[in-house]
Amino acid sequence: MSLGPVRSHLRSATASAHGRVDALLPQGVAQPRDYAVYLRAMHRFVASSDLPDGARERYLPLLSDDLHTLGITADAPPANARPTDASRDRYERLGWAYVFEGSSLGARMLLRQAGSLGYSGRAGARYLNEHAGSIEWSDVLRQLEESAPDEDQLHRLVAASHHAFAAVEAALLDALSIEKDRS
């Protein structure tokens, strides 16, 4: 299967999960409250996920710094949260990378919105600045292009992508609940 069919299949198979995530912050982070929710959620997601290729170690300090800049104490991951083992299988790692590294495309728009709130790559939007500038997405696309998954491998790729989207959705729902309780 070439890139087009694998990527198209993955995009189609995860469209509803992606839509649910996007619907939780339909205006992006144009408002300070939404930006706080987003940062809190991404911190929780990154802290409780074993993302491929060291992304957790690279991004968690930036998220913590951004939360600190906004005057928000970083919440500990839920007690029942534990990092997933995204490193088990090539196709499972690729599924998580598809979701996380693919979010770097949306991070570009979110970075502009955070900039309009007064944050930059030096203060308050360090995570978005780094993630938006990441070149890892092109590597994920290359890996998809080079992959030739059989039916079982394709199933693992899709399932891992669904798990990653579900983890982001849960983190956003938790962050929205926390923000609502603080209001």
N, C-alpha and C. Protein backbone atom coordinates (compact mmCIF):
# COMPACT_ATOMS: atom_id res chain seq x y z
N MET A 1 0.85 -1.17 0.00
CA MET A 1 0.00 0.00 0.00
C MET A 1 0.89 1.23 0.00
N SER A 2 0.69 2.16 -0.89
CA SER A 2 1.51 3.37 -0.96
C SER A 2 0.96 4.42 0.00
N LEU A 3 1.68 5.53 0.11
CA LEU A 3 1.32 6.59 1.05
C LEU A 3 -0.12 7.02 0.90
N GLY A 4 -0.52 7.31 -0.32
CA GLY A 4 -1.89 7.77 -0.52
C GLY A 4 -2.92 6.86 0.10
N PRO A 5 -2.91 5.58 -0.24
CA PRO A 5 -3.91 4.69 0.34
C PRO A 5 -3.77 4.49 1.85
N VAL A 6 -2.54 4.36 2.37
CA VAL A 6 -2.38 4.18 3.82
C VAL A 6 -2.82 5.43 4.54
N ARG A 7 -2.33 6.58 4.11
CA ARG A 7 -2.69 7.84 4.77
C ARG A 7 -4.18 8.12 4.61
N SER A 8 -4.71 7.91 3.42
CA SER A 8 -6.15 8.13 3.20
C SER A 8 -6.98 7.20 4.06
N HIS A 9 -6.57 5.95 4.14
CA HIS A 9 -7.30 5.00 4.98
C HIS A 9 -7.26 5.44 6.44
N LEU A 10 -6.09 5.83 6.90
CA LEU A 10 -5.93 6.26 8.28
C LEU A 10 -6.74 7.52 8.57
N ARG A 11 -6.70 8.47 7.65
CA ARG A 11 -7.46 9.70 7.83
C ARG A 11 -8.97 9.41 7.89
N SER A 12 -9.43 8.56 6.99
CA SER A 12 -10.84 8.20 6.96
C SER A 12 -11.25 7.42 8.21
N ALA A 13 -10.40 6.49 8.61
CA ALA A 13 -10.72 5.64 9.76
C ALA A 13 -10.74 6.40 11.07
N THR A 14 -10.03 7.53 11.13
CA THR A 14 -9.96 8.30 12.38
C THR A 14 -10.69 9.63 12.31
N ALA A 15 -11.40 9.87 11.23
CA ALA A 15 -12.06 11.18 11.04
C ALA A 15 -13.02 11.53 12.17
N SER A 16 -13.81 10.58 12.63
CA SER A 16 -14.76 10.91 13.69
C SER A 16 -14.03 11.22 15.00
N ALA A 17 -12.97 10.48 15.30
CA ALA A 17 -12.20 10.75 16.51
C ALA A 17 -11.54 12.12 16.43
N HIS A 18 -10.98 12.44 15.27
CA HIS A 18 -10.36 13.74 15.06
C HIS A 18 -11.40 14.86 15.19
N GLY A 19 -12.58 14.63 14.64
CA GLY A 19 -13.66 15.61 14.74
C GLY A 19 -14.09 15.87 16.17
N ARG A 20 -14.16 14.80 16.98
CA ARG A 20 -14.54 14.97 18.40
C ARG A 20 -13.51 15.83 19.13
N VAL A 21 -12.24 15.60 18.85
CA VAL A 21 -11.18 16.39 19.50
C VAL A 21 -11.30 17.85 19.07
N ASP A 22 -11.40 18.09 17.78
CA ASP A 22 -11.50 19.47 17.29
C ASP A 22 -12.73 20.19 17.83
N ALA A 23 -13.82 19.47 18.03
CA ALA A 23 -15.06 20.08 18.51
C ALA A 23 -14.96 20.56 19.95
N LEU A 24 -14.01 20.06 20.70
CA LEU A 24 -13.89 20.47 22.10
C LEU A 24 -13.36 21.89 22.24
N LEU A 25 -12.58 22.35 21.28
CA LEU A 25 -12.12 23.75 21.24
C LEU A 25 -12.38 24.28 19.83
N PRO A 26 -13.65 24.50 19.50
CA PRO A 26 -14.00 24.83 18.12
C PRO A 26 -13.39 26.14 17.61
N GLN A 27 -13.07 27.06 18.50
CA GLN A 27 -12.45 28.33 18.10
C GLN A 27 -10.94 28.30 18.30
N GLY A 28 -10.39 27.12 18.51
CA GLY A 28 -8.96 27.04 18.78
C GLY A 28 -8.65 27.62 20.14
N VAL A 29 -7.61 28.45 20.20
CA VAL A 29 -7.19 29.06 21.46
C VAL A 29 -7.24 30.58 21.37
N ALA A 30 -8.25 31.09 20.69
CA ALA A 30 -8.39 32.53 20.49
C ALA A 30 -8.70 33.27 21.79
N GLN A 31 -9.24 32.59 22.78
CA GLN A 31 -9.56 33.20 24.07
C GLN A 31 -8.60 32.69 25.14
N PRO A 32 -8.25 33.52 26.12
CA PRO A 32 -7.32 33.08 27.18
C PRO A 32 -7.77 31.79 27.87
N ARG A 33 -9.08 31.67 28.12
CA ARG A 33 -9.60 30.46 28.78
C ARG A 33 -9.31 29.23 27.93
N ASP A 34 -9.52 29.33 26.62
CA ASP A 34 -9.29 28.19 25.73
C ASP A 34 -7.81 27.83 25.67
N TYR A 35 -6.95 28.84 25.70
CA TYR A 35 -5.52 28.56 25.68
C TYR A 35 -5.09 27.85 26.96
N ALA A 36 -5.62 28.27 28.08
CA ALA A 36 -5.31 27.60 29.35
C ALA A 36 -5.78 26.15 29.32
N VAL A 37 -6.98 25.92 28.80
CA VAL A 37 -7.51 24.55 28.67
C VAL A 37 -6.59 23.72 27.78
N TYR A 38 -6.22 24.28 26.65
CA TYR A 38 -5.37 23.57 25.70
C TYR A 38 -4.04 23.17 26.34
N LEU A 39 -3.37 24.14 26.99
CA LEU A 39 -2.08 23.84 27.59
C LEU A 39 -2.20 22.79 28.70
N ARG A 40 -3.23 22.93 29.52
CA ARG A 40 -3.45 21.96 30.60
C ARG A 40 -3.67 20.56 29.99
N ALA A 41 -4.47 20.50 28.94
CA ALA A 41 -4.77 19.21 28.31
C ALA A 41 -3.53 18.61 27.66
N MET A 42 -2.78 19.42 26.94
CA MET A 42 -1.59 18.90 26.28
C MET A 42 -0.55 18.46 27.29
N HIS A 43 -0.45 19.18 28.40
CA HIS A 43 0.48 18.76 29.45
C HIS A 43 0.06 17.39 29.97
N ARG A 44 -1.21 17.23 30.24
CA ARG A 44 -1.69 15.95 30.75
C ARG A 44 -1.47 14.83 29.74
N PHE A 45 -1.80 15.12 28.47
CA PHE A 45 -1.63 14.11 27.42
C PHE A 45 -0.16 13.71 27.27
N VAL A 46 0.71 14.68 27.16
CA VAL A 46 2.13 14.38 26.96
C VAL A 46 2.71 13.68 28.19
N ALA A 47 2.31 14.12 29.40
CA ALA A 47 2.83 13.52 30.63
C ALA A 47 2.39 12.07 30.79
N SER A 48 1.23 11.73 30.30
CA SER A 48 0.70 10.38 30.52
C SER A 48 0.80 9.48 29.30
N SER A 49 1.51 9.93 28.27
CA SER A 49 1.66 9.13 27.06
C SER A 49 3.14 8.91 26.76
N ASP A 50 3.46 7.71 26.37
CA ASP A 50 4.82 7.40 25.95
C ASP A 50 4.89 7.64 24.46
N LEU A 51 5.07 8.89 24.10
CA LEU A 51 5.06 9.26 22.69
C LEU A 51 6.35 8.78 22.01
N PRO A 52 6.26 8.52 20.72
CA PRO A 52 7.44 8.03 20.00
C PRO A 52 8.55 9.06 19.91
N ASP A 53 9.75 8.52 19.75
CA ASP A 53 10.93 9.32 19.42
C ASP A 53 11.25 10.42 20.43
N GLY A 54 11.02 10.19 21.70
CA GLY A 54 11.40 11.14 22.73
C GLY A 54 10.57 12.41 22.80
N ALA A 55 9.41 12.42 22.16
CA ALA A 55 8.58 13.63 22.16
C ALA A 55 8.17 14.03 23.57
N ARG A 56 7.90 13.05 24.41
CA ARG A 56 7.50 13.36 25.79
C ARG A 56 8.60 14.15 26.50
N GLU A 57 9.82 13.68 26.40
CA GLU A 57 10.94 14.34 27.07
C GLU A 57 11.23 15.71 26.45
N ARG A 58 10.99 15.86 25.17
CA ARG A 58 11.25 17.12 24.48
C ARG A 58 10.20 18.17 24.82
N TYR A 59 8.94 17.77 24.90
CA TYR A 59 7.85 18.75 25.00
C TYR A 59 7.33 18.99 26.41
N LEU A 60 7.44 18.04 27.30
CA LEU A 60 6.88 18.23 28.64
C LEU A 60 7.48 19.43 29.37
N PRO A 61 8.79 19.64 29.34
CA PRO A 61 9.33 20.85 30.01
C PRO A 61 8.81 22.15 29.40
N LEU A 62 8.61 22.17 28.09
CA LEU A 62 8.09 23.38 27.44
C LEU A 62 6.65 23.64 27.88
N LEU A 63 5.85 22.59 27.95
CA LEU A 63 4.47 22.75 28.41
C LEU A 63 4.43 23.22 29.86
N SER A 64 5.28 22.65 30.70
CA SER A 64 5.33 23.07 32.11
C SER A 64 5.71 24.54 32.22
N ASP A 65 6.67 24.97 31.41
CA ASP A 65 7.09 26.37 31.41
C ASP A 65 5.96 27.28 30.95
N ASP A 66 5.25 26.87 29.89
CA ASP A 66 4.13 27.69 29.41
C ASP A 66 3.03 27.80 30.47
N LEU A 67 2.72 26.70 31.13
CA LEU A 67 1.72 26.76 32.20
C LEU A 67 2.18 27.71 33.30
N HIS A 68 3.44 27.62 33.67
CA HIS A 68 3.99 28.51 34.70
C HIS A 68 3.87 29.97 34.27
N THR A 69 4.16 30.26 33.01
CA THR A 69 4.05 31.63 32.49
C THR A 69 2.63 32.15 32.63
N LEU A 70 1.65 31.26 32.42
CA LEU A 70 0.25 31.65 32.53
C LEU A 70 -0.24 31.63 33.98
N GLY A 71 0.63 31.26 34.92
CA GLY A 71 0.24 31.23 36.32
C GLY A 71 -0.59 30.01 36.68
N ILE A 72 -0.42 28.94 35.93
CA ILE A 72 -1.18 27.71 36.15
C ILE A 72 -0.23 26.64 36.67
N THR A 73 -0.61 26.03 37.77
CA THR A 73 0.18 24.92 38.29
C THR A 73 -0.13 23.69 37.44
N ALA A 74 0.92 23.04 36.99
CA ALA A 74 0.73 21.83 36.18
C ALA A 74 0.11 20.74 37.05
N ASP A 75 -0.99 20.21 36.59
CA ASP A 75 -1.64 19.11 37.30
C ASP A 75 -0.86 17.83 37.09
N ALA A 76 -0.82 17.03 38.11
CA ALA A 76 -0.24 15.70 37.95
C ALA A 76 -1.18 14.87 37.09
N PRO A 77 -0.64 13.95 36.32
CA PRO A 77 -1.53 13.08 35.55
C PRO A 77 -2.44 12.32 36.51
N PRO A 78 -3.63 11.93 36.05
CA PRO A 78 -4.53 11.18 36.92
C PRO A 78 -3.83 9.95 37.49
N ALA A 79 -4.21 9.55 38.69
CA ALA A 79 -3.56 8.43 39.35
C ALA A 79 -3.61 7.16 38.51
N ASN A 80 -4.69 6.97 37.76
CA ASN A 80 -4.82 5.76 36.97
C ASN A 80 -4.15 5.88 35.61
N ALA A 81 -3.57 7.05 35.30
CA ALA A 81 -2.90 7.23 34.02
C ALA A 81 -1.49 6.69 34.12
N ARG A 82 -1.10 6.00 33.12
CA ARG A 82 0.28 5.55 33.02
C ARG A 82 0.67 5.64 31.56
N PRO A 83 1.94 5.90 31.33
CA PRO A 83 2.35 6.00 29.93
C PRO A 83 1.99 4.74 29.16
N THR A 84 1.50 4.95 27.96
CA THR A 84 1.23 3.81 27.10
C THR A 84 2.55 3.28 26.58
N ASP A 85 2.55 2.08 26.13
CA ASP A 85 3.77 1.50 25.60
C ASP A 85 3.75 1.63 24.09
N ALA A 86 3.94 2.85 23.62
CA ALA A 86 3.89 3.12 22.19
C ALA A 86 5.07 2.50 21.46
N SER A 87 6.07 2.06 22.19
CA SER A 87 7.27 1.52 21.55
C SER A 87 7.15 0.03 21.24
N ARG A 88 6.04 -0.60 21.56
CA ARG A 88 5.91 -2.04 21.37
C ARG A 88 6.03 -2.49 19.92
N ASP A 89 5.47 -1.78 19.03
CA ASP A 89 5.30 -2.25 17.67
C ASP A 89 5.46 -1.08 16.70
N ARG A 90 6.10 -1.32 15.59
CA ARG A 90 6.33 -0.26 14.61
C ARG A 90 5.03 0.42 14.20
N TYR A 91 3.99 -0.35 13.95
CA TYR A 91 2.73 0.23 13.47
C TYR A 91 1.97 0.94 14.58
N GLU A 92 2.10 0.47 15.81
CA GLU A 92 1.49 1.18 16.94
C GLU A 92 2.21 2.51 17.17
N ARG A 93 3.54 2.49 17.11
CA ARG A 93 4.30 3.75 17.24
C ARG A 93 3.91 4.72 16.14
N LEU A 94 3.77 4.20 14.93
CA LEU A 94 3.41 5.04 13.79
C LEU A 94 2.01 5.63 13.96
N GLY A 95 1.09 4.85 14.53
CA GLY A 95 -0.26 5.37 14.79
C GLY A 95 -0.26 6.52 15.77
N TRP A 96 0.52 6.39 16.86
CA TRP A 96 0.63 7.48 17.84
C TRP A 96 1.32 8.68 17.20
N ALA A 97 2.37 8.43 16.41
CA ALA A 97 3.09 9.53 15.75
C ALA A 97 2.19 10.23 14.75
N TYR A 98 1.35 9.48 14.05
CA TYR A 98 0.42 10.08 13.09
C TYR A 98 -0.44 11.13 13.78
N VAL A 99 -0.94 10.81 14.95
CA VAL A 99 -1.81 11.74 15.68
C VAL A 99 -1.00 12.88 16.27
N PHE A 100 0.06 12.56 17.00
CA PHE A 100 0.80 13.61 17.69
C PHE A 100 1.55 14.51 16.72
N GLU A 101 2.32 13.93 15.82
CA GLU A 101 3.10 14.76 14.90
C GLU A 101 2.19 15.44 13.88
N GLY A 102 1.08 14.82 13.54
CA GLY A 102 0.12 15.47 12.66
C GLY A 102 -0.47 16.71 13.29
N SER A 103 -0.53 16.73 14.63
CA SER A 103 -1.06 17.91 15.32
C SER A 103 -0.14 19.11 15.18
N SER A 104 1.09 18.90 14.70
CA SER A 104 1.98 20.04 14.48
C SER A 104 1.43 20.96 13.39
N LEU A 105 0.62 20.42 12.49
CA LEU A 105 0.00 21.26 11.46
C LEU A 105 -0.99 22.23 12.08
N GLY A 106 -1.84 21.73 12.98
CA GLY A 106 -2.78 22.60 13.69
C GLY A 106 -2.09 23.54 14.65
N ALA A 107 -0.92 23.11 15.15
CA ALA A 107 -0.18 23.95 16.09
C ALA A 107 0.24 25.28 15.45
N ARG A 108 0.38 25.28 14.14
CA ARG A 108 0.76 26.52 13.45
C ARG A 108 -0.34 27.58 13.60
N MET A 109 -1.59 27.16 13.43
CA MET A 109 -2.70 28.09 13.60
C MET A 109 -2.82 28.50 15.07
N LEU A 110 -2.69 27.52 15.97
CA LEU A 110 -2.80 27.81 17.39
C LEU A 110 -1.69 28.76 17.85
N LEU A 111 -0.50 28.63 17.27
CA LEU A 111 0.60 29.53 17.62
C LEU A 111 0.26 30.97 17.24
N ARG A 112 -0.35 31.15 16.08
CA ARG A 112 -0.77 32.51 15.69
C ARG A 112 -1.80 33.05 16.68
N GLN A 113 -2.74 32.20 17.08
CA GLN A 113 -3.75 32.64 18.04
C GLN A 113 -3.11 32.97 19.39
N ALA A 114 -2.18 32.14 19.84
CA ALA A 114 -1.49 32.42 21.11
C ALA A 114 -0.71 33.72 21.01
N GLY A 115 -0.15 33.99 19.83
CA GLY A 115 0.56 35.25 19.62
C GLY A 115 -0.36 36.44 19.76
N SER A 116 -1.59 36.30 19.29
CA SER A 116 -2.55 37.41 19.43
C SER A 116 -2.96 37.61 20.89
N LEU A 117 -2.73 36.61 21.73
CA LEU A 117 -3.01 36.74 23.16
C LEU A 117 -1.80 37.32 23.91
N GLY A 118 -0.69 37.52 23.18
CA GLY A 118 0.49 38.10 23.78
C GLY A 118 1.59 37.11 24.13
N TYR A 119 1.46 35.87 23.70
CA TYR A 119 2.47 34.86 24.00
C TYR A 119 3.34 34.61 22.79
N SER A 120 4.57 34.15 23.06
CA SER A 120 5.52 33.93 21.97
C SER A 120 6.32 32.66 22.25
N GLY A 121 7.22 32.38 21.33
CA GLY A 121 8.10 31.24 21.49
C GLY A 121 9.10 31.42 22.62
N ARG A 122 9.19 32.62 23.15
CA ARG A 122 10.07 32.87 24.29
C ARG A 122 9.32 32.84 25.62
N ALA A 123 8.03 33.10 25.58
CA ALA A 123 7.26 33.14 26.83
C ALA A 123 5.80 32.81 26.57
N GLY A 124 5.35 31.72 27.16
CA GLY A 124 3.93 31.37 27.11
C GLY A 124 3.52 30.47 25.97
N ALA A 125 4.29 30.47 24.89
CA ALA A 125 3.95 29.61 23.74
C ALA A 125 5.19 28.85 23.27
N ARG A 126 6.02 28.45 24.20
CA ARG A 126 7.23 27.71 23.84
C ARG A 126 6.87 26.36 23.23
N TYR A 127 5.90 25.67 23.83
CA TYR A 127 5.50 24.37 23.29
C TYR A 127 4.97 24.51 21.86
N LEU A 128 4.02 25.41 21.67
CA LEU A 128 3.44 25.57 20.33
C LEU A 128 4.50 25.99 19.32
N ASN A 129 5.40 26.86 19.71
CA ASN A 129 6.46 27.30 18.81
C ASN A 129 7.32 26.12 18.37
N GLU A 130 7.70 25.31 19.31
CA GLU A 130 8.54 24.14 19.01
C GLU A 130 7.77 23.11 18.19
N HIS A 131 6.54 22.83 18.59
CA HIS A 131 5.75 21.81 17.90
C HIS A 131 5.38 22.25 16.49
N ALA A 132 5.01 23.52 16.33
CA ALA A 132 4.66 24.03 15.01
C ALA A 132 5.85 24.00 14.06
N GLY A 133 7.05 24.14 14.59
CA GLY A 133 8.24 24.12 13.76
C GLY A 133 8.85 22.74 13.57
N SER A 134 8.23 21.74 14.13
CA SER A 134 8.77 20.38 14.05
C SER A 134 8.78 19.87 12.62
N ILE A 135 9.82 19.13 12.31
CA ILE A 135 9.90 18.48 10.99
C ILE A 135 9.55 16.99 11.08
N GLU A 136 9.10 16.56 12.24
CA GLU A 136 8.79 15.14 12.46
C GLU A 136 7.63 14.66 11.60
N TRP A 137 6.68 15.55 11.27
CA TRP A 137 5.54 15.15 10.46
C TRP A 137 6.00 14.61 9.10
N SER A 138 7.00 15.23 8.52
CA SER A 138 7.50 14.75 7.24
C SER A 138 8.10 13.35 7.39
N ASP A 139 8.70 13.07 8.54
CA ASP A 139 9.22 11.72 8.79
C ASP A 139 8.08 10.71 8.91
N VAL A 140 7.00 11.11 9.56
CA VAL A 140 5.84 10.22 9.68
C VAL A 140 5.28 9.93 8.29
N LEU A 141 5.18 10.96 7.47
CA LEU A 141 4.69 10.75 6.10
C LEU A 141 5.61 9.81 5.33
N ARG A 142 6.91 9.97 5.51
CA ARG A 142 7.88 9.08 4.86
C ARG A 142 7.69 7.65 5.32
N GLN A 143 7.51 7.47 6.64
CA GLN A 143 7.30 6.13 7.18
C GLN A 143 6.02 5.50 6.63
N LEU A 144 4.97 6.31 6.53
CA LEU A 144 3.73 5.79 5.95
C LEU A 144 3.95 5.38 4.50
N GLU A 145 4.70 6.20 3.77
CA GLU A 145 4.97 5.91 2.37
C GLU A 145 5.76 4.62 2.21
N GLU A 146 6.72 4.41 3.10
CA GLU A 146 7.57 3.23 3.02
C GLU A 146 6.92 1.98 3.60
N SER A 147 5.87 2.16 4.37
CA SER A 147 5.23 1.00 4.99
C SER A 147 4.40 0.24 3.96
N ALA A 148 4.32 -1.02 4.19
CA ALA A 148 3.48 -1.87 3.34
C ALA A 148 2.72 -2.79 4.29
N PRO A 149 1.80 -2.20 5.08
CA PRO A 149 1.17 -3.00 6.13
C PRO A 149 0.25 -4.08 5.56
N ASP A 150 0.33 -5.24 6.21
CA ASP A 150 -0.67 -6.25 5.90
C ASP A 150 -1.93 -5.90 6.68
N GLU A 151 -2.94 -6.70 6.59
CA GLU A 151 -4.23 -6.36 7.23
C GLU A 151 -4.10 -6.21 8.74
N ASP A 152 -3.35 -7.08 9.38
CA ASP A 152 -3.18 -7.00 10.83
C ASP A 152 -2.39 -5.75 11.22
N GLN A 153 -1.34 -5.45 10.48
CA GLN A 153 -0.54 -4.26 10.77
C GLN A 153 -1.34 -2.98 10.56
N LEU A 154 -2.15 -2.95 9.52
CA LEU A 154 -3.01 -1.80 9.27
C LEU A 154 -4.02 -1.64 10.40
N HIS A 155 -4.54 -2.75 10.89
CA HIS A 155 -5.47 -2.71 12.02
C HIS A 155 -4.77 -2.12 13.25
N ARG A 156 -3.54 -2.53 13.53
CA ARG A 156 -2.80 -2.00 14.68
C ARG A 156 -2.51 -0.51 14.50
N LEU A 157 -2.20 -0.10 13.28
CA LEU A 157 -1.95 1.31 12.99
C LEU A 157 -3.19 2.15 13.28
N VAL A 158 -4.32 1.71 12.80
CA VAL A 158 -5.58 2.43 13.02
C VAL A 158 -5.95 2.41 14.50
N ALA A 159 -5.84 1.26 15.14
CA ALA A 159 -6.20 1.15 16.57
C ALA A 159 -5.33 2.07 17.42
N ALA A 160 -4.04 2.12 17.14
CA ALA A 160 -3.14 3.00 17.91
C ALA A 160 -3.51 4.46 17.70
N SER A 161 -3.87 4.81 16.48
CA SER A 161 -4.30 6.20 16.20
C SER A 161 -5.56 6.52 16.99
N HIS A 162 -6.49 5.58 17.05
CA HIS A 162 -7.71 5.79 17.83
C HIS A 162 -7.38 5.95 19.31
N HIS A 163 -6.45 5.15 19.83
CA HIS A 163 -6.06 5.27 21.23
C HIS A 163 -5.44 6.64 21.51
N ALA A 164 -4.63 7.11 20.58
CA ALA A 164 -4.01 8.43 20.76
C ALA A 164 -5.06 9.54 20.74
N PHE A 165 -5.99 9.48 19.77
CA PHE A 165 -7.05 10.49 19.75
C PHE A 165 -7.90 10.42 21.02
N ALA A 166 -8.18 9.21 21.51
CA ALA A 166 -8.96 9.07 22.74
C ALA A 166 -8.23 9.66 23.94
N ALA A 167 -6.91 9.52 23.97
CA ALA A 167 -6.13 10.09 25.07
C ALA A 167 -6.16 11.62 25.02
N VAL A 168 -6.07 12.19 23.83
CA VAL A 168 -6.16 13.65 23.69
C VAL A 168 -7.55 14.12 24.10
N GLU A 169 -8.58 13.41 23.64
CA GLU A 169 -9.96 13.78 23.98
C GLU A 169 -10.18 13.74 25.49
N ALA A 170 -9.70 12.69 26.15
CA ALA A 170 -9.86 12.58 27.60
C ALA A 170 -9.13 13.72 28.32
N ALA A 171 -7.93 14.05 27.84
CA ALA A 171 -7.18 15.15 28.46
C ALA A 171 -7.90 16.48 28.28
N LEU A 172 -8.47 16.71 27.11
CA LEU A 172 -9.23 17.95 26.89
C LEU A 172 -10.49 18.00 27.75
N LEU A 173 -11.19 16.89 27.85
CA LEU A 173 -12.40 16.86 28.68
C LEU A 173 -12.05 17.12 30.14
N ASP A 174 -10.95 16.54 30.62
CA ASP A 174 -10.51 16.81 32.00
C ASP A 174 -10.17 18.28 32.19
N ALA A 175 -9.43 18.84 31.24
CA ALA A 175 -9.03 20.25 31.34
C ALA A 175 -10.24 21.18 31.28
N LEU A 176 -11.19 20.85 30.44
CA LEU A 176 -12.42 21.66 30.37
C LEU A 176 -13.19 21.58 31.69
N SER A 177 -13.22 20.42 32.30
CA SER A 177 -13.91 20.24 33.58
C SER A 177 -13.21 21.04 34.68
N ILE A 178 -11.89 21.01 34.69
CA ILE A 178 -11.12 21.78 35.69
C ILE A 178 -11.39 23.26 35.51
N GLU A 179 -11.37 23.73 34.27
CA GLU A 179 -11.59 25.16 34.00
C GLU A 179 -13.01 25.56 34.40
N LYS A 180 -13.97 24.69 34.15
CA LYS A 180 -15.36 24.99 34.51
C LYS A 180 -15.49 25.09 36.04
N ASP A 181 -14.84 24.17 36.76
CA ASP A 181 -14.87 24.20 38.22
C ASP A 181 -14.22 25.45 38.79
N ARG A 182 -13.23 26.00 38.09
CA ARG A 182 -12.52 27.21 38.57
C ARG A 182 -13.31 28.47 38.27
N SER A 183 -14.25 28.38 37.34
CA SER A 183 -15.02 29.57 36.95
C SER A 183 -16.08 29.92 37.95
